[in-house]
Amino acid sequence: MTAPTRRQTRDLRPLVAAFVRFVVCGGGVGLASSGAVVVLSGRIPMVIANALVTVVSTVVATELHRRISFRSERKGWAVHLRSGVTVAVSYAFTTGALLCLFAVRSDPSPLVAQTVYLSASALAGVGRFALLRVVVFGDRNRAASHDDTLSKASVAMAV
């Protein structure tokens, strides 16, 4: 394998910067959401508090990702709907990972369960980043252009 060229390193910088912004925005919303659920659950049932916070935090996170993570001009409810689908897919993935764990080990230790959950969450987050970058906030005009050539760096950025 050859060492990355200076051009390839420069081409990856926007991808890495977008991913860092994605993690900071998503993590910040996640932390705020956990606090909001605790506060609301003292006033309304936990299930309702969780559902309400999940919807509101998804809308807020989508706006932050649009403006900060991906710096996209796309707006509207279609963007929020697509982003919501990526949240649902992530939820299904992490839930599936936990269901598989409990199918294999009926009484895993909290450390093992947390490790499986956090690992699945990390993989789901990377997948969500890719979907948001390419499908939800991707530049369709650039993708439709026949003048662009597909380089290794652009393929790496899409994945």
N, C-alpha and C. Protein backbone atom coordinates (compact mmCIF):
# COMPACT_ATOMS: atom_id res chain seq x y z
N MET A 1 0.84 -1.17 0.00
CA MET A 1 0.00 0.00 0.00
C MET A 1 0.89 1.23 0.00
N THR A 2 0.49 2.23 -0.71
CA THR A 2 1.30 3.45 -0.79
C THR A 2 0.85 4.46 0.26
N ALA A 3 1.77 5.32 0.64
CA ALA A 3 1.46 6.37 1.61
C ALA A 3 0.55 7.40 0.96
N PRO A 4 -0.35 8.00 1.74
CA PRO A 4 -1.24 9.01 1.17
C PRO A 4 -0.45 10.22 0.71
N THR A 5 -0.87 10.75 -0.42
CA THR A 5 -0.20 11.94 -0.95
C THR A 5 -0.71 13.16 -0.20
N ARG A 6 -0.03 14.26 -0.36
CA ARG A 6 -0.43 15.50 0.29
C ARG A 6 -1.83 15.91 -0.18
N ARG A 7 -2.12 15.69 -1.47
CA ARG A 7 -3.43 16.05 -2.01
C ARG A 7 -4.53 15.21 -1.35
N GLN A 8 -4.31 13.91 -1.18
CA GLN A 8 -5.30 13.05 -0.54
C GLN A 8 -5.54 13.49 0.90
N THR A 9 -4.48 13.86 1.61
CA THR A 9 -4.62 14.33 2.99
C THR A 9 -5.45 15.60 3.04
N ARG A 10 -5.18 16.53 2.13
CA ARG A 10 -5.96 17.77 2.08
C ARG A 10 -7.42 17.50 1.73
N ASP A 11 -7.67 16.52 0.84
CA ASP A 11 -9.02 16.20 0.43
C ASP A 11 -9.84 15.60 1.57
N LEU A 12 -9.17 14.95 2.51
CA LEU A 12 -9.88 14.33 3.63
C LEU A 12 -10.16 15.31 4.77
N ARG A 13 -9.48 16.44 4.80
CA ARG A 13 -9.68 17.40 5.89
C ARG A 13 -11.12 17.88 6.01
N PRO A 14 -11.81 18.22 4.92
CA PRO A 14 -13.21 18.65 5.07
C PRO A 14 -14.10 17.53 5.63
N LEU A 15 -13.81 16.30 5.25
CA LEU A 15 -14.58 15.16 5.76
C LEU A 15 -14.36 15.00 7.26
N VAL A 16 -13.11 15.05 7.69
CA VAL A 16 -12.80 14.92 9.11
C VAL A 16 -13.40 16.08 9.90
N ALA A 17 -13.30 17.29 9.37
CA ALA A 17 -13.87 18.46 10.05
C ALA A 17 -15.38 18.32 10.17
N ALA A 18 -16.05 17.87 9.12
CA ALA A 18 -17.50 17.68 9.17
C ALA A 18 -17.86 16.61 10.20
N PHE A 19 -17.06 15.54 10.26
CA PHE A 19 -17.34 14.48 11.22
C PHE A 19 -17.18 14.98 12.67
N VAL A 20 -16.15 15.77 12.90
CA VAL A 20 -15.94 16.34 14.25
C VAL A 20 -17.11 17.24 14.61
N ARG A 21 -17.53 18.09 13.68
CA ARG A 21 -18.69 18.96 13.94
C ARG A 21 -19.95 18.12 14.21
N PHE A 22 -20.11 17.03 13.46
CA PHE A 22 -21.24 16.12 13.62
C PHE A 22 -21.26 15.52 15.03
N VAL A 23 -20.10 15.06 15.48
CA VAL A 23 -19.99 14.45 16.81
C VAL A 23 -20.27 15.48 17.90
N VAL A 24 -19.71 16.68 17.76
CA VAL A 24 -19.91 17.72 18.77
C VAL A 24 -21.38 18.14 18.83
N CYS A 25 -21.98 18.39 17.68
CA CYS A 25 -23.40 18.80 17.65
C CYS A 25 -24.30 17.68 18.19
N GLY A 26 -24.11 16.48 17.67
CA GLY A 26 -24.93 15.35 18.11
C GLY A 26 -24.72 15.02 19.57
N GLY A 27 -23.47 15.06 20.02
CA GLY A 27 -23.18 14.79 21.43
C GLY A 27 -23.76 15.83 22.35
N GLY A 28 -23.67 17.09 21.94
CA GLY A 28 -24.25 18.17 22.74
C GLY A 28 -25.75 18.04 22.87
N VAL A 29 -26.42 17.73 21.76
CA VAL A 29 -27.87 17.54 21.80
C VAL A 29 -28.21 16.32 22.64
N GLY A 30 -27.41 15.27 22.53
CA GLY A 30 -27.64 14.06 23.33
C GLY A 30 -27.54 14.33 24.82
N LEU A 31 -26.52 15.08 25.22
CA LEU A 31 -26.37 15.42 26.63
C LEU A 31 -27.52 16.29 27.13
N ALA A 32 -27.89 17.29 26.34
CA ALA A 32 -29.01 18.14 26.72
C ALA A 32 -30.31 17.33 26.80
N SER A 33 -30.47 16.39 25.89
CA SER A 33 -31.68 15.56 25.87
C SER A 33 -31.78 14.69 27.11
N SER A 34 -30.65 14.13 27.53
CA SER A 34 -30.70 13.27 28.71
C SER A 34 -31.11 14.08 29.94
N GLY A 35 -30.63 15.30 30.03
CA GLY A 35 -31.05 16.17 31.13
C GLY A 35 -32.52 16.54 31.04
N ALA A 36 -32.98 16.81 29.82
CA ALA A 36 -34.38 17.18 29.63
C ALA A 36 -35.32 16.02 29.99
N VAL A 37 -34.94 14.81 29.66
CA VAL A 37 -35.77 13.64 30.00
C VAL A 37 -35.88 13.51 31.51
N VAL A 38 -34.77 13.69 32.22
CA VAL A 38 -34.79 13.59 33.68
C VAL A 38 -35.71 14.66 34.27
N VAL A 39 -35.59 15.89 33.79
CA VAL A 39 -36.42 16.98 34.32
C VAL A 39 -37.90 16.74 34.01
N LEU A 40 -38.20 16.38 32.76
CA LEU A 40 -39.60 16.17 32.38
C LEU A 40 -40.22 14.95 33.04
N SER A 41 -39.42 13.90 33.25
CA SER A 41 -39.98 12.67 33.81
C SER A 41 -40.48 12.87 35.24
N GLY A 42 -40.06 13.93 35.90
CA GLY A 42 -40.61 14.25 37.22
C GLY A 42 -41.99 14.86 37.13
N ARG A 43 -42.36 15.32 35.94
CA ARG A 43 -43.66 16.00 35.76
C ARG A 43 -44.65 15.21 34.92
N ILE A 44 -44.12 14.43 33.97
CA ILE A 44 -44.98 13.62 33.09
C ILE A 44 -44.39 12.21 33.04
N PRO A 45 -45.17 11.22 32.59
CA PRO A 45 -44.64 9.85 32.52
C PRO A 45 -43.37 9.77 31.67
N MET A 46 -42.45 8.91 32.08
CA MET A 46 -41.15 8.77 31.42
C MET A 46 -41.29 8.46 29.94
N VAL A 47 -42.23 7.61 29.57
CA VAL A 47 -42.41 7.24 28.16
C VAL A 47 -42.78 8.46 27.33
N ILE A 48 -43.65 9.29 27.85
CA ILE A 48 -44.06 10.51 27.13
C ILE A 48 -42.91 11.50 27.09
N ALA A 49 -42.21 11.65 28.20
CA ALA A 49 -41.06 12.56 28.25
C ALA A 49 -40.00 12.13 27.23
N ASN A 50 -39.72 10.85 27.18
CA ASN A 50 -38.72 10.34 26.24
C ASN A 50 -39.15 10.57 24.79
N ALA A 51 -40.41 10.30 24.49
CA ALA A 51 -40.90 10.50 23.12
C ALA A 51 -40.83 11.97 22.73
N LEU A 52 -41.26 12.84 23.62
CA LEU A 52 -41.24 14.28 23.35
C LEU A 52 -39.81 14.78 23.14
N VAL A 53 -38.92 14.40 24.02
CA VAL A 53 -37.52 14.83 23.92
C VAL A 53 -36.87 14.25 22.67
N THR A 54 -37.21 13.03 22.32
CA THR A 54 -36.64 12.42 21.12
C THR A 54 -37.03 13.19 19.87
N VAL A 55 -38.29 13.55 19.76
CA VAL A 55 -38.75 14.30 18.58
C VAL A 55 -38.10 15.68 18.54
N VAL A 56 -38.14 16.40 19.65
CA VAL A 56 -37.58 17.75 19.68
C VAL A 56 -36.06 17.71 19.44
N SER A 57 -35.37 16.78 20.07
CA SER A 57 -33.91 16.71 19.90
C SER A 57 -33.53 16.31 18.48
N THR A 58 -34.33 15.49 17.83
CA THR A 58 -34.05 15.12 16.44
C THR A 58 -34.19 16.34 15.53
N VAL A 59 -35.22 17.15 15.75
CA VAL A 59 -35.40 18.37 14.95
C VAL A 59 -34.25 19.34 15.20
N VAL A 60 -33.89 19.53 16.46
CA VAL A 60 -32.79 20.44 16.80
C VAL A 60 -31.47 19.93 16.23
N ALA A 61 -31.19 18.66 16.39
CA ALA A 61 -29.94 18.09 15.87
C ALA A 61 -29.88 18.19 14.35
N THR A 62 -31.01 17.97 13.68
CA THR A 62 -31.02 18.07 12.21
C THR A 62 -30.68 19.49 11.78
N GLU A 63 -31.25 20.47 12.45
CA GLU A 63 -30.93 21.87 12.12
C GLU A 63 -29.46 22.17 12.38
N LEU A 64 -28.94 21.70 13.50
CA LEU A 64 -27.51 21.92 13.78
C LEU A 64 -26.64 21.23 12.74
N HIS A 65 -26.97 20.01 12.38
CA HIS A 65 -26.20 19.30 11.36
C HIS A 65 -26.29 20.01 10.01
N ARG A 66 -27.48 20.50 9.68
CA ARG A 66 -27.64 21.22 8.42
C ARG A 66 -26.77 22.47 8.39
N ARG A 67 -26.85 23.25 9.46
CA ARG A 67 -26.14 24.54 9.48
C ARG A 67 -24.66 24.41 9.81
N ILE A 68 -24.31 23.55 10.74
CA ILE A 68 -22.93 23.50 11.24
C ILE A 68 -22.15 22.31 10.69
N SER A 69 -22.68 21.10 10.86
CA SER A 69 -21.92 19.91 10.45
C SER A 69 -21.69 19.86 8.95
N PHE A 70 -22.77 20.04 8.18
CA PHE A 70 -22.67 19.88 6.73
C PHE A 70 -22.78 21.19 5.96
N ARG A 71 -23.12 22.27 6.64
CA ARG A 71 -23.21 23.59 6.02
C ARG A 71 -24.03 23.54 4.73
N SER A 72 -25.21 22.96 4.87
CA SER A 72 -26.08 22.75 3.72
C SER A 72 -27.13 23.85 3.62
N GLU A 73 -27.55 24.11 2.39
CA GLU A 73 -28.62 25.08 2.15
C GLU A 73 -29.99 24.40 2.11
N ARG A 74 -30.02 23.08 2.17
CA ARG A 74 -31.29 22.36 2.13
C ARG A 74 -32.10 22.66 3.37
N LYS A 75 -33.41 22.87 3.17
CA LYS A 75 -34.30 23.19 4.28
C LYS A 75 -35.60 22.43 4.11
N GLY A 76 -36.44 22.53 5.12
CA GLY A 76 -37.80 22.01 5.00
C GLY A 76 -38.01 20.70 5.73
N TRP A 77 -39.29 20.32 5.74
CA TRP A 77 -39.68 19.12 6.46
C TRP A 77 -39.18 17.86 5.81
N ALA A 78 -38.93 17.88 4.50
CA ALA A 78 -38.39 16.68 3.84
C ALA A 78 -37.03 16.33 4.41
N VAL A 79 -36.22 17.35 4.69
CA VAL A 79 -34.90 17.12 5.30
C VAL A 79 -35.07 16.51 6.69
N HIS A 80 -36.02 17.06 7.46
CA HIS A 80 -36.25 16.54 8.80
C HIS A 80 -36.80 15.11 8.76
N LEU A 81 -37.64 14.83 7.79
CA LEU A 81 -38.18 13.47 7.65
C LEU A 81 -37.07 12.48 7.32
N ARG A 82 -36.22 12.83 6.35
CA ARG A 82 -35.11 11.94 6.00
C ARG A 82 -34.16 11.74 7.18
N SER A 83 -33.89 12.81 7.89
CA SER A 83 -33.04 12.70 9.06
C SER A 83 -33.69 11.81 10.12
N GLY A 84 -34.99 11.96 10.30
CA GLY A 84 -35.72 11.11 11.24
C GLY A 84 -35.64 9.64 10.88
N VAL A 85 -35.65 9.36 9.58
CA VAL A 85 -35.50 7.97 9.14
C VAL A 85 -34.13 7.43 9.54
N THR A 86 -33.09 8.26 9.43
CA THR A 86 -31.76 7.79 9.85
C THR A 86 -31.71 7.53 11.35
N VAL A 87 -32.45 8.32 12.13
CA VAL A 87 -32.54 8.07 13.58
C VAL A 87 -33.25 6.75 13.83
N ALA A 88 -34.34 6.50 13.11
CA ALA A 88 -35.08 5.24 13.28
C ALA A 88 -34.22 4.04 12.91
N VAL A 89 -33.45 4.15 11.85
CA VAL A 89 -32.55 3.06 11.45
C VAL A 89 -31.48 2.83 12.52
N SER A 90 -30.95 3.92 13.06
CA SER A 90 -29.95 3.79 14.13
C SER A 90 -30.55 3.13 15.36
N TYR A 91 -31.76 3.52 15.71
CA TYR A 91 -32.46 2.92 16.85
C TYR A 91 -32.66 1.42 16.61
N ALA A 92 -33.09 1.06 15.42
CA ALA A 92 -33.31 -0.36 15.10
C ALA A 92 -31.99 -1.14 15.18
N PHE A 93 -30.91 -0.53 14.72
CA PHE A 93 -29.61 -1.19 14.75
C PHE A 93 -29.14 -1.43 16.18
N THR A 94 -29.22 -0.40 17.04
CA THR A 94 -28.76 -0.56 18.42
C THR A 94 -29.67 -1.52 19.19
N THR A 95 -30.97 -1.44 18.93
CA THR A 95 -31.90 -2.38 19.58
C THR A 95 -31.62 -3.80 19.12
N GLY A 96 -31.37 -3.98 17.83
CA GLY A 96 -31.04 -5.31 17.31
C GLY A 96 -29.77 -5.87 17.93
N ALA A 97 -28.78 -5.02 18.12
CA ALA A 97 -27.53 -5.47 18.75
C ALA A 97 -27.80 -5.95 20.17
N LEU A 98 -28.61 -5.21 20.92
CA LEU A 98 -28.93 -5.62 22.29
C LEU A 98 -29.77 -6.89 22.31
N LEU A 99 -30.72 -7.01 21.39
CA LEU A 99 -31.52 -8.23 21.32
C LEU A 99 -30.65 -9.44 21.00
N CYS A 100 -29.68 -9.26 20.12
CA CYS A 100 -28.74 -10.36 19.81
C CYS A 100 -27.93 -10.73 21.04
N LEU A 101 -27.46 -9.72 21.77
CA LEU A 101 -26.70 -9.99 22.99
C LEU A 101 -27.53 -10.81 23.96
N PHE A 102 -28.77 -10.38 24.20
CA PHE A 102 -29.61 -11.09 25.17
C PHE A 102 -30.06 -12.46 24.65
N ALA A 103 -30.03 -12.68 23.35
CA ALA A 103 -30.32 -14.00 22.81
C ALA A 103 -29.15 -14.95 23.05
N VAL A 104 -27.94 -14.40 23.01
CA VAL A 104 -26.74 -15.21 23.22
C VAL A 104 -26.46 -15.41 24.72
N ARG A 105 -26.62 -14.34 25.49
CA ARG A 105 -26.38 -14.37 26.94
C ARG A 105 -27.60 -13.80 27.64
N SER A 106 -28.33 -14.64 28.31
CA SER A 106 -29.58 -14.19 28.92
C SER A 106 -29.37 -13.19 30.05
N ASP A 107 -28.22 -13.23 30.70
CA ASP A 107 -27.97 -12.30 31.80
C ASP A 107 -26.56 -11.72 31.69
N PRO A 108 -26.33 -10.85 30.67
CA PRO A 108 -24.98 -10.28 30.53
C PRO A 108 -24.71 -9.27 31.64
N SER A 109 -23.45 -9.08 31.93
CA SER A 109 -23.09 -8.09 32.94
C SER A 109 -23.41 -6.70 32.39
N PRO A 110 -23.62 -5.74 33.27
CA PRO A 110 -23.87 -4.37 32.80
C PRO A 110 -22.73 -3.84 31.93
N LEU A 111 -21.50 -4.23 32.23
CA LEU A 111 -20.36 -3.79 31.43
C LEU A 111 -20.44 -4.33 30.01
N VAL A 112 -20.79 -5.60 29.87
CA VAL A 112 -20.93 -6.20 28.53
C VAL A 112 -22.09 -5.55 27.78
N ALA A 113 -23.21 -5.37 28.44
CA ALA A 113 -24.37 -4.74 27.79
C ALA A 113 -24.04 -3.32 27.34
N GLN A 114 -23.36 -2.57 28.20
CA GLN A 114 -22.99 -1.20 27.85
C GLN A 114 -21.98 -1.18 26.71
N THR A 115 -21.05 -2.12 26.71
CA THR A 115 -20.06 -2.21 25.63
C THR A 115 -20.74 -2.50 24.29
N VAL A 116 -21.67 -3.44 24.29
CA VAL A 116 -22.41 -3.76 23.06
C VAL A 116 -23.21 -2.55 22.60
N TYR A 117 -23.90 -1.90 23.54
CA TYR A 117 -24.72 -0.74 23.18
C TYR A 117 -23.87 0.40 22.63
N LEU A 118 -22.79 0.73 23.31
CA LEU A 118 -21.95 1.84 22.85
C LEU A 118 -21.26 1.53 21.53
N SER A 119 -20.86 0.28 21.34
CA SER A 119 -20.25 -0.11 20.06
C SER A 119 -21.26 0.00 18.92
N ALA A 120 -22.47 -0.50 19.17
CA ALA A 120 -23.52 -0.39 18.15
C ALA A 120 -23.88 1.07 17.89
N SER A 121 -23.90 1.87 18.94
CA SER A 121 -24.19 3.30 18.78
C SER A 121 -23.12 3.99 17.96
N ALA A 122 -21.86 3.64 18.19
CA ALA A 122 -20.77 4.23 17.41
C ALA A 122 -20.89 3.85 15.94
N LEU A 123 -21.15 2.58 15.66
CA LEU A 123 -21.33 2.15 14.26
C LEU A 123 -22.54 2.82 13.63
N ALA A 124 -23.62 2.91 14.38
CA ALA A 124 -24.83 3.58 13.87
C ALA A 124 -24.55 5.05 13.61
N GLY A 125 -23.77 5.68 14.46
CA GLY A 125 -23.41 7.09 14.28
C GLY A 125 -22.61 7.32 13.02
N VAL A 126 -21.64 6.43 12.76
CA VAL A 126 -20.84 6.55 11.53
C VAL A 126 -21.75 6.34 10.31
N GLY A 127 -22.63 5.36 10.40
CA GLY A 127 -23.57 5.12 9.29
C GLY A 127 -24.50 6.30 9.09
N ARG A 128 -24.96 6.87 10.19
CA ARG A 128 -25.86 8.03 10.11
C ARG A 128 -25.13 9.22 9.50
N PHE A 129 -23.89 9.43 9.91
CA PHE A 129 -23.08 10.51 9.33
C PHE A 129 -23.01 10.35 7.80
N ALA A 130 -22.71 9.13 7.36
CA ALA A 130 -22.60 8.89 5.91
C ALA A 130 -23.93 9.14 5.21
N LEU A 131 -25.02 8.66 5.78
CA LEU A 131 -26.33 8.88 5.16
C LEU A 131 -26.72 10.36 5.13
N LEU A 132 -26.48 11.05 6.22
CA LEU A 132 -26.80 12.48 6.24
C LEU A 132 -25.94 13.23 5.23
N ARG A 133 -24.67 12.90 5.17
CA ARG A 133 -23.75 13.60 4.26
C ARG A 133 -24.10 13.36 2.80
N VAL A 134 -24.42 12.12 2.46
CA VAL A 134 -24.65 11.77 1.06
C VAL A 134 -26.11 11.93 0.64
N VAL A 135 -27.03 11.41 1.44
CA VAL A 135 -28.44 11.35 1.04
C VAL A 135 -29.22 12.60 1.46
N VAL A 136 -29.10 12.98 2.73
CA VAL A 136 -29.93 14.07 3.25
C VAL A 136 -29.39 15.44 2.85
N PHE A 137 -28.09 15.65 3.06
CA PHE A 137 -27.52 16.97 2.81
C PHE A 137 -26.57 17.01 1.61
N GLY A 138 -26.47 15.91 0.86
CA GLY A 138 -25.57 15.87 -0.29
C GLY A 138 -25.96 16.87 -1.36
N ASP A 139 -24.98 17.32 -2.11
CA ASP A 139 -25.20 18.30 -3.16
C ASP A 139 -25.65 17.57 -4.42
N ARG A 140 -26.95 17.60 -4.70
CA ARG A 140 -27.49 16.88 -5.86
C ARG A 140 -27.03 17.48 -7.18
N ASN A 141 -26.83 18.78 -7.22
CA ASN A 141 -26.39 19.41 -8.47
C ASN A 141 -25.00 18.91 -8.85
N ARG A 142 -24.14 18.77 -7.86
CA ARG A 142 -22.78 18.28 -8.13
C ARG A 142 -22.83 16.82 -8.53
N ALA A 143 -23.67 16.03 -7.87
CA ALA A 143 -23.77 14.61 -8.19
C ALA A 143 -24.33 14.41 -9.60
N ALA A 144 -25.19 15.31 -10.04
CA ALA A 144 -25.80 15.18 -11.36
C ALA A 144 -24.87 15.65 -12.48
N SER A 145 -23.85 16.39 -12.13
CA SER A 145 -22.94 16.90 -13.13
C SER A 145 -22.13 15.77 -13.76
N HIS A 146 -22.07 15.75 -15.07
CA HIS A 146 -21.31 14.73 -15.76
C HIS A 146 -19.84 15.12 -15.92
N ASP A 147 -19.48 16.34 -15.56
CA ASP A 147 -18.11 16.80 -15.69
C ASP A 147 -17.23 16.34 -14.55
N ASP A 148 -17.82 15.99 -13.40
CA ASP A 148 -17.03 15.57 -12.24
C ASP A 148 -16.53 14.15 -12.44
N THR A 149 -15.28 13.95 -12.09
CA THR A 149 -14.74 12.60 -12.12
C THR A 149 -14.76 12.05 -10.71
N LEU A 150 -14.90 10.75 -10.59
CA LEU A 150 -14.97 10.09 -9.30
C LEU A 150 -13.56 9.71 -8.86
N SER A 151 -13.06 10.43 -7.86
CA SER A 151 -11.71 10.14 -7.36
C SER A 151 -11.80 9.27 -6.12
N LYS A 152 -10.67 8.71 -5.70
CA LYS A 152 -10.62 7.90 -4.49
C LYS A 152 -11.04 8.73 -3.29
N ALA A 153 -10.64 9.98 -3.23
CA ALA A 153 -10.97 10.84 -2.09
C ALA A 153 -12.47 11.08 -2.01
N SER A 154 -13.14 11.29 -3.17
CA SER A 154 -14.58 11.55 -3.11
C SER A 154 -15.34 10.30 -2.70
N VAL A 155 -14.86 9.13 -3.09
CA VAL A 155 -15.48 7.90 -2.66
C VAL A 155 -15.28 7.72 -1.16
N ALA A 156 -14.09 8.02 -0.65
CA ALA A 156 -13.82 7.92 0.78
C ALA A 156 -14.69 8.88 1.56
N MET A 157 -14.93 10.08 1.04
CA MET A 157 -15.77 11.05 1.73
C MET A 157 -17.23 10.60 1.78
N ALA A 158 -17.67 9.88 0.76
CA ALA A 158 -19.06 9.43 0.73
C ALA A 158 -19.29 8.27 1.67
N VAL A 159 -18.27 7.57 2.03
CA VAL A 159 -18.41 6.41 2.92
C VAL A 159 -18.09 6.77 4.29
